Amino acid sequence: MCDTKKYFQIYQDIKNLTPEDTLQLVLEADNKEEQDFYFMIGDFLLQQRQKIAIEGNLF
């Protein structure tokens, strides 16, 4: 059984990343798989921000 509280905290930490943070993670990744993972996180966060902007007519 996994520690759901641990992963929830990781989720909370990831949600607070800025685009600059995700870029730094990509640039400092040790391998391609890690880079791809951070790119996916960055894309997800961008999609969430876009969704909020569209819903609030903020563009």
PDB file of N, CA and C in Angstrom:
ATOM      1  N   MET A   1       0.849  -1.173   0.000  1.00  0.00           N
ATOM      2  CA  MET A   1       0.000   0.000   0.000  1.00  0.00           C
ATOM      3  C   MET A   1       0.898   1.241   0.000  1.00  0.00           C
ATOM      4  N   CYS A   2       0.559   2.218  -0.839  1.00  0.00           N
ATOM      5  CA  CYS A   2       1.387   3.413  -0.918  1.00  0.00           C
ATOM      6  C   CYS A   2       0.979   4.440   0.137  1.00  0.00           C
ATOM      7  N   ASP A   3       1.897   5.327   0.408  1.00  0.00           N
ATOM      8  CA  ASP A   3       1.685   6.383   1.390  1.00  0.00           C
ATOM      9  C   ASP A   3       1.000   7.560   0.679  1.00  0.00           C
ATOM     10  N   THR A   4      -0.313   7.606   0.710  1.00  0.00           N
ATOM     11  CA  THR A   4      -1.056   8.629  -0.033  1.00  0.00           C
ATOM     12  C   THR A   4      -0.755  10.037   0.455  1.00  0.00           C
ATOM     13  N   LYS A   5      -0.478  10.199   1.723  1.00  0.00           N
ATOM     14  CA  LYS A   5      -0.151  11.535   2.249  1.00  0.00           C
ATOM     15  C   LYS A   5       1.149  12.055   1.644  1.00  0.00           C
ATOM     16  N   LYS A   6       2.107  11.158   1.466  1.00  0.00           N
ATOM     17  CA  LYS A   6       3.382  11.540   0.865  1.00  0.00           C
ATOM     18  C   LYS A   6       3.155  12.029  -0.567  1.00  0.00           C
ATOM     19  N   TYR A   7       2.358  11.293  -1.336  1.00  0.00           N
ATOM     20  CA  TYR A   7       2.131  11.666  -2.727  1.00  0.00           C
ATOM     21  C   TYR A   7       1.244  12.895  -2.847  1.00  0.00           C
ATOM     22  N   PHE A   8       0.342  13.082  -1.911  1.00  0.00           N
ATOM     23  CA  PHE A   8      -0.460  14.297  -1.916  1.00  0.00           C
ATOM     24  C   PHE A   8       0.440  15.505  -1.683  1.00  0.00           C
ATOM     25  N   GLN A   9       1.422  15.388  -0.801  1.00  0.00           N
ATOM     26  CA  GLN A   9       2.354  16.497  -0.556  1.00  0.00           C
ATOM     27  C   GLN A   9       3.189  16.779  -1.803  1.00  0.00           C
ATOM     28  N   ILE A  10       3.614  15.730  -2.491  1.00  0.00           N
ATOM     29  CA  ILE A  10       4.355  15.910  -3.744  1.00  0.00           C
ATOM     30  C   ILE A  10       3.485  16.645  -4.757  1.00  0.00           C
ATOM     31  N   TYR A  11       2.225  16.235  -4.863  1.00  0.00           N
ATOM     32  CA  TYR A  11       1.263  16.889  -5.764  1.00  0.00           C
ATOM     33  C   TYR A  11       1.140  18.379  -5.426  1.00  0.00           C
ATOM     34  N   GLN A  12       1.014  18.701  -4.143  1.00  0.00           N
ATOM     35  CA  GLN A  12       0.902  20.097  -3.720  1.00  0.00           C
ATOM     36  C   GLN A  12       2.163  20.878  -4.098  1.00  0.00           C
ATOM     37  N   ASP A  13       3.315  20.286  -3.907  1.00  0.00           N
ATOM     38  CA  ASP A  13       4.576  20.936  -4.252  1.00  0.00           C
ATOM     39  C   ASP A  13       4.667  21.186  -5.754  1.00  0.00           C
ATOM     40  N   ILE A  14       4.265  20.206  -6.545  1.00  0.00           N
ATOM     41  CA  ILE A  14       4.324  20.335  -8.001  1.00  0.00           C
ATOM     42  C   ILE A  14       3.384  21.434  -8.486  1.00  0.00           C
ATOM     43  N   LYS A  15       2.195  21.512  -7.891  1.00  0.00           N
ATOM     44  CA  LYS A  15       1.232  22.540  -8.308  1.00  0.00           C
ATOM     45  C   LYS A  15       1.775  23.950  -8.128  1.00  0.00           C
ATOM     46  N   ASN A  16       2.722  24.133  -7.231  1.00  0.00           N
ATOM     47  CA  ASN A  16       3.268  25.456  -6.953  1.00  0.00           C
ATOM     48  C   ASN A  16       4.495  25.805  -7.790  1.00  0.00           C
ATOM     49  N   LEU A  17       4.897  24.919  -8.695  1.00  0.00           N
ATOM     50  CA  LEU A  17       6.044  25.205  -9.542  1.00  0.00           C
ATOM     51  C   LEU A  17       5.712  26.319 -10.530  1.00  0.00           C
ATOM     52  N   THR A  18       6.674  27.172 -10.783  1.00  0.00           N
ATOM     53  CA  THR A  18       6.530  28.212 -11.793  1.00  0.00           C
ATOM     54  C   THR A  18       7.096  27.691 -13.113  1.00  0.00           C
ATOM     55  N   PRO A  19       6.794  28.361 -14.223  1.00  0.00           N
ATOM     56  CA  PRO A  19       7.408  27.946 -15.492  1.00  0.00           C
ATOM     57  C   PRO A  19       8.943  27.969 -15.426  1.00  0.00           C
ATOM     58  N   GLU A  20       9.481  28.920 -14.693  1.00  0.00           N
ATOM     59  CA  GLU A  20      10.935  28.987 -14.537  1.00  0.00           C
ATOM     60  C   GLU A  20      11.466  27.771 -13.768  1.00  0.00           C
ATOM     61  N   ASP A  21      10.698  27.337 -12.775  1.00  0.00           N
ATOM     62  CA  ASP A  21      11.089  26.148 -12.005  1.00  0.00           C
ATOM     63  C   ASP A  21      11.127  24.916 -12.896  1.00  0.00           C
ATOM     64  N   THR A  22      10.090  24.735 -13.704  1.00  0.00           N
ATOM     65  CA  THR A  22      10.052  23.534 -14.549  1.00  0.00           C
ATOM     66  C   THR A  22      11.162  23.581 -15.593  1.00  0.00           C
ATOM     67  N   LEU A  23      11.469  24.772 -16.110  1.00  0.00           N
ATOM     68  CA  LEU A  23      12.573  24.900 -17.066  1.00  0.00           C
ATOM     69  C   LEU A  23      13.888  24.509 -16.398  1.00  0.00           C
ATOM     70  N   GLN A  24      14.106  24.968 -15.187  1.00  0.00           N
ATOM     71  CA  GLN A  24      15.323  24.611 -14.465  1.00  0.00           C
ATOM     72  C   GLN A  24      15.406  23.107 -14.247  1.00  0.00           C
ATOM     73  N   LEU A  25      14.288  22.484 -13.894  1.00  0.00           N
ATOM     74  CA  LEU A  25      14.275  21.033 -13.707  1.00  0.00           C
ATOM     75  C   LEU A  25      14.636  20.310 -15.004  1.00  0.00           C
ATOM     76  N   VAL A  26      14.088  20.779 -16.113  1.00  0.00           N
ATOM     77  CA  VAL A  26      14.395  20.160 -17.413  1.00  0.00           C
ATOM     78  C   VAL A  26      15.880  20.308 -17.732  1.00  0.00           C
ATOM     79  N   LEU A  27      16.394  21.524 -17.552  1.00  0.00           N
ATOM     80  CA  LEU A  27      17.789  21.785 -17.904  1.00  0.00           C
ATOM     81  C   LEU A  27      18.774  21.021 -17.024  1.00  0.00           C
ATOM     82  N   GLU A  28      18.388  20.742 -15.798  1.00  0.00           N
ATOM     83  CA  GLU A  28      19.294  20.061 -14.872  1.00  0.00           C
ATOM     84  C   GLU A  28      19.008  18.561 -14.738  1.00  0.00           C
ATOM     85  N   ALA A  29      18.092  18.052 -15.550  1.00  0.00           N
ATOM     86  CA  ALA A  29      17.757  16.627 -15.494  1.00  0.00           C
ATOM     87  C   ALA A  29      18.965  15.785 -15.901  1.00  0.00           C
ATOM     88  N   ASP A  30      19.072  14.623 -15.301  1.00  0.00           N
ATOM     89  CA  ASP A  30      20.209  13.735 -15.554  1.00  0.00           C
ATOM     90  C   ASP A  30      20.073  12.921 -16.839  1.00  0.00           C
ATOM     91  N   ASN A  31      18.835  12.751 -17.325  1.00  0.00           N
ATOM     92  CA  ASN A  31      18.655  11.935 -18.524  1.00  0.00           C
ATOM     93  C   ASN A  31      17.375  12.347 -19.251  1.00  0.00           C
ATOM     94  N   LYS A  32      17.188  11.770 -20.424  1.00  0.00           N
ATOM     95  CA  LYS A  32      16.049  12.112 -21.283  1.00  0.00           C
ATOM     96  C   LYS A  32      14.722  11.766 -20.628  1.00  0.00           C
ATOM     97  N   GLU A  33      14.647  10.639 -19.953  1.00  0.00           N
ATOM     98  CA  GLU A  33      13.402  10.241 -19.308  1.00  0.00           C
ATOM     99  C   GLU A  33      12.989  11.261 -18.246  1.00  0.00           C
ATOM    100  N   GLU A  34      13.949  11.717 -17.480  1.00  0.00           N
ATOM    101  CA  GLU A  34      13.679  12.722 -16.452  1.00  0.00           C
ATOM    102  C   GLU A  34      13.256  14.042 -17.097  1.00  0.00           C
ATOM    103  N   GLN A  35      13.924  14.424 -18.177  1.00  0.00           N
ATOM    104  CA  GLN A  35      13.536  15.633 -18.913  1.00  0.00           C
ATOM    105  C   GLN A  35      12.106  15.530 -19.397  1.00  0.00           C
ATOM    106  N   ASP A  36      11.747  14.408 -19.989  1.00  0.00           N
ATOM    107  CA  ASP A  36      10.389  14.202 -20.489  1.00  0.00           C
ATOM    108  C   ASP A  36       9.361  14.321 -19.367  1.00  0.00           C
ATOM    109  N   PHE A  37       9.686  13.779 -18.210  1.00  0.00           N
ATOM    110  CA  PHE A  37       8.796  13.855 -17.059  1.00  0.00           C
ATOM    111  C   PHE A  37       8.557  15.317 -16.670  1.00  0.00           C
ATOM    112  N   TYR A  38       9.624  16.095 -16.579  1.00  0.00           N
ATOM    113  CA  TYR A  38       9.476  17.500 -16.201  1.00  0.00           C
ATOM    114  C   TYR A  38       8.757  18.303 -17.282  1.00  0.00           C
ATOM    115  N   PHE A  39       8.983  17.966 -18.549  1.00  0.00           N
ATOM    116  CA  PHE A  39       8.235  18.610 -19.634  1.00  0.00           C
ATOM    117  C   PHE A  39       6.738  18.342 -19.477  1.00  0.00           C
ATOM    118  N   MET A  40       6.380  17.097 -19.147  1.00  0.00           N
ATOM    119  CA  MET A  40       4.963  16.753 -18.970  1.00  0.00           C
ATOM    120  C   MET A  40       4.358  17.541 -17.813  1.00  0.00           C
ATOM    121  N   ILE A  41       5.105  17.682 -16.749  1.00  0.00           N
ATOM    122  CA  ILE A  41       4.615  18.481 -15.621  1.00  0.00           C
ATOM    123  C   ILE A  41       4.414  19.925 -16.053  1.00  0.00           C
ATOM    124  N   GLY A  42       5.380  20.483 -16.761  1.00  0.00           N
ATOM    125  CA  GLY A  42       5.259  21.858 -17.245  1.00  0.00           C
ATOM    126  C   GLY A  42       4.057  22.038 -18.158  1.00  0.00           C
ATOM    127  N   ASP A  43       3.841  21.071 -19.054  1.00  0.00           N
ATOM    128  CA  ASP A  43       2.683  21.130 -19.955  1.00  0.00           C
ATOM    129  C   ASP A  43       1.374  21.071 -19.178  1.00  0.00           C
ATOM    130  N   PHE A  44       1.318  20.194 -18.192  1.00  0.00           N
ATOM    131  CA  PHE A  44       0.114  20.076 -17.366  1.00  0.00           C
ATOM    132  C   PHE A  44      -0.180  21.390 -16.649  1.00  0.00           C
ATOM    133  N   LEU A  45       0.840  21.973 -16.047  1.00  0.00           N
ATOM    134  CA  LEU A  45       0.638  23.229 -15.311  1.00  0.00           C
ATOM    135  C   LEU A  45       0.216  24.359 -16.249  1.00  0.00           C
ATOM    136  N   LEU A  46       0.800  24.392 -17.445  1.00  0.00           N
ATOM    137  CA  LEU A  46       0.411  25.398 -18.435  1.00  0.00           C
ATOM    138  C   LEU A  46      -1.051  25.210 -18.836  1.00  0.00           C
ATOM    139  N   GLN A  47      -1.474  23.975 -19.053  1.00  0.00           N
ATOM    140  CA  GLN A  47      -2.865  23.704 -19.412  1.00  0.00           C
ATOM    141  C   GLN A  47      -3.812  24.159 -18.308  1.00  0.00           C
ATOM    142  N   GLN A  48      -3.431  23.951 -17.071  1.00  0.00           N
ATOM    143  CA  GLN A  48      -4.276  24.380 -15.949  1.00  0.00           C
ATOM    144  C   GLN A  48      -4.390  25.905 -15.914  1.00  0.00           C
ATOM    145  N   ARG A  49      -3.284  26.595 -16.152  1.00  0.00           N
ATOM    146  CA  ARG A  49      -3.319  28.066 -16.165  1.00  0.00           C
ATOM    147  C   ARG A  49      -4.146  28.576 -17.348  1.00  0.00           C
ATOM    148  N   GLN A  50      -4.022  27.925 -18.496  1.00  0.00           N
ATOM    149  CA  GLN A  50      -4.809  28.312 -19.667  1.00  0.00           C
ATOM    150  C   GLN A  50      -6.300  28.114 -19.398  1.00  0.00           C
ATOM    151  N   LYS A  51      -6.647  27.029 -18.766  1.00  0.00           N
ATOM    152  CA  LYS A  51      -8.047  26.735 -18.444  1.00  0.00           C
ATOM    153  C   LYS A  51      -8.622  27.839 -17.553  1.00  0.00           C
ATOM    154  N   ILE A  52      -7.871  28.242 -16.549  1.00  0.00           N
ATOM    155  CA  ILE A  52      -8.318  29.310 -15.649  1.00  0.00           C
ATOM    156  C   ILE A  52      -8.473  30.621 -16.412  1.00  0.00           C
ATOM    157  N   ALA A  53      -7.527  30.924 -17.299  1.00  0.00           N
ATOM    158  CA  ALA A  53      -7.586  32.160 -18.076  1.00  0.00           C
ATOM    159  C   ALA A  53      -8.802  32.169 -18.998  1.00  0.00           C
ATOM    160  N   ILE A  54      -9.079  31.041 -19.638  1.00  0.00           N
ATOM    161  CA  ILE A  54     -10.225  30.952 -20.552  1.00  0.00           C
ATOM    162  C   ILE A  54     -11.534  31.078 -19.783  1.00  0.00           C
ATOM    163  N   GLU A  55     -11.640  30.355 -18.673  1.00  0.00           N
ATOM    164  CA  GLU A  55     -12.859  30.396 -17.893  1.00  0.00           C
ATOM    165  C   GLU A  55     -13.125  31.794 -17.316  1.00  0.00           C
ATOM    166  N   GLY A  56     -12.074  32.519 -17.019  1.00  0.00           N
ATOM    167  CA  GLY A  56     -12.244  33.849 -16.446  1.00  0.00           C
ATOM    168  C   GLY A  56     -12.137  34.970 -17.465  1.00  0.00           C
ATOM    169  N   ASN A  57     -12.089  34.617 -18.770  1.00  0.00           N
ATOM    170  CA  ASN A  57     -11.941  35.618 -19.826  1.00  0.00           C
ATOM    171  C   ASN A  57     -10.788  36.565 -19.522  1.00  0.00           C
ATOM    172  N   LEU A  58      -9.662  35.995 -19.115  1.00  0.00           N
ATOM    173  CA  LEU A  58      -8.500  36.788 -18.713  1.00  0.00           C
ATOM    174  C   LEU A  58      -7.493  36.984 -19.825  1.00  0.00           C
ATOM    175  N   PHE A  59      -7.875  36.663 -21.042  1.00  0.00           N
ATOM    176  CA  PHE A  59      -6.933  36.808 -22.159  1.00  0.00           C
ATOM    177  C   PHE A  59      -7.357  37.925 -23.073  1.00  0.00           C
TER     178      PHE A  59
END
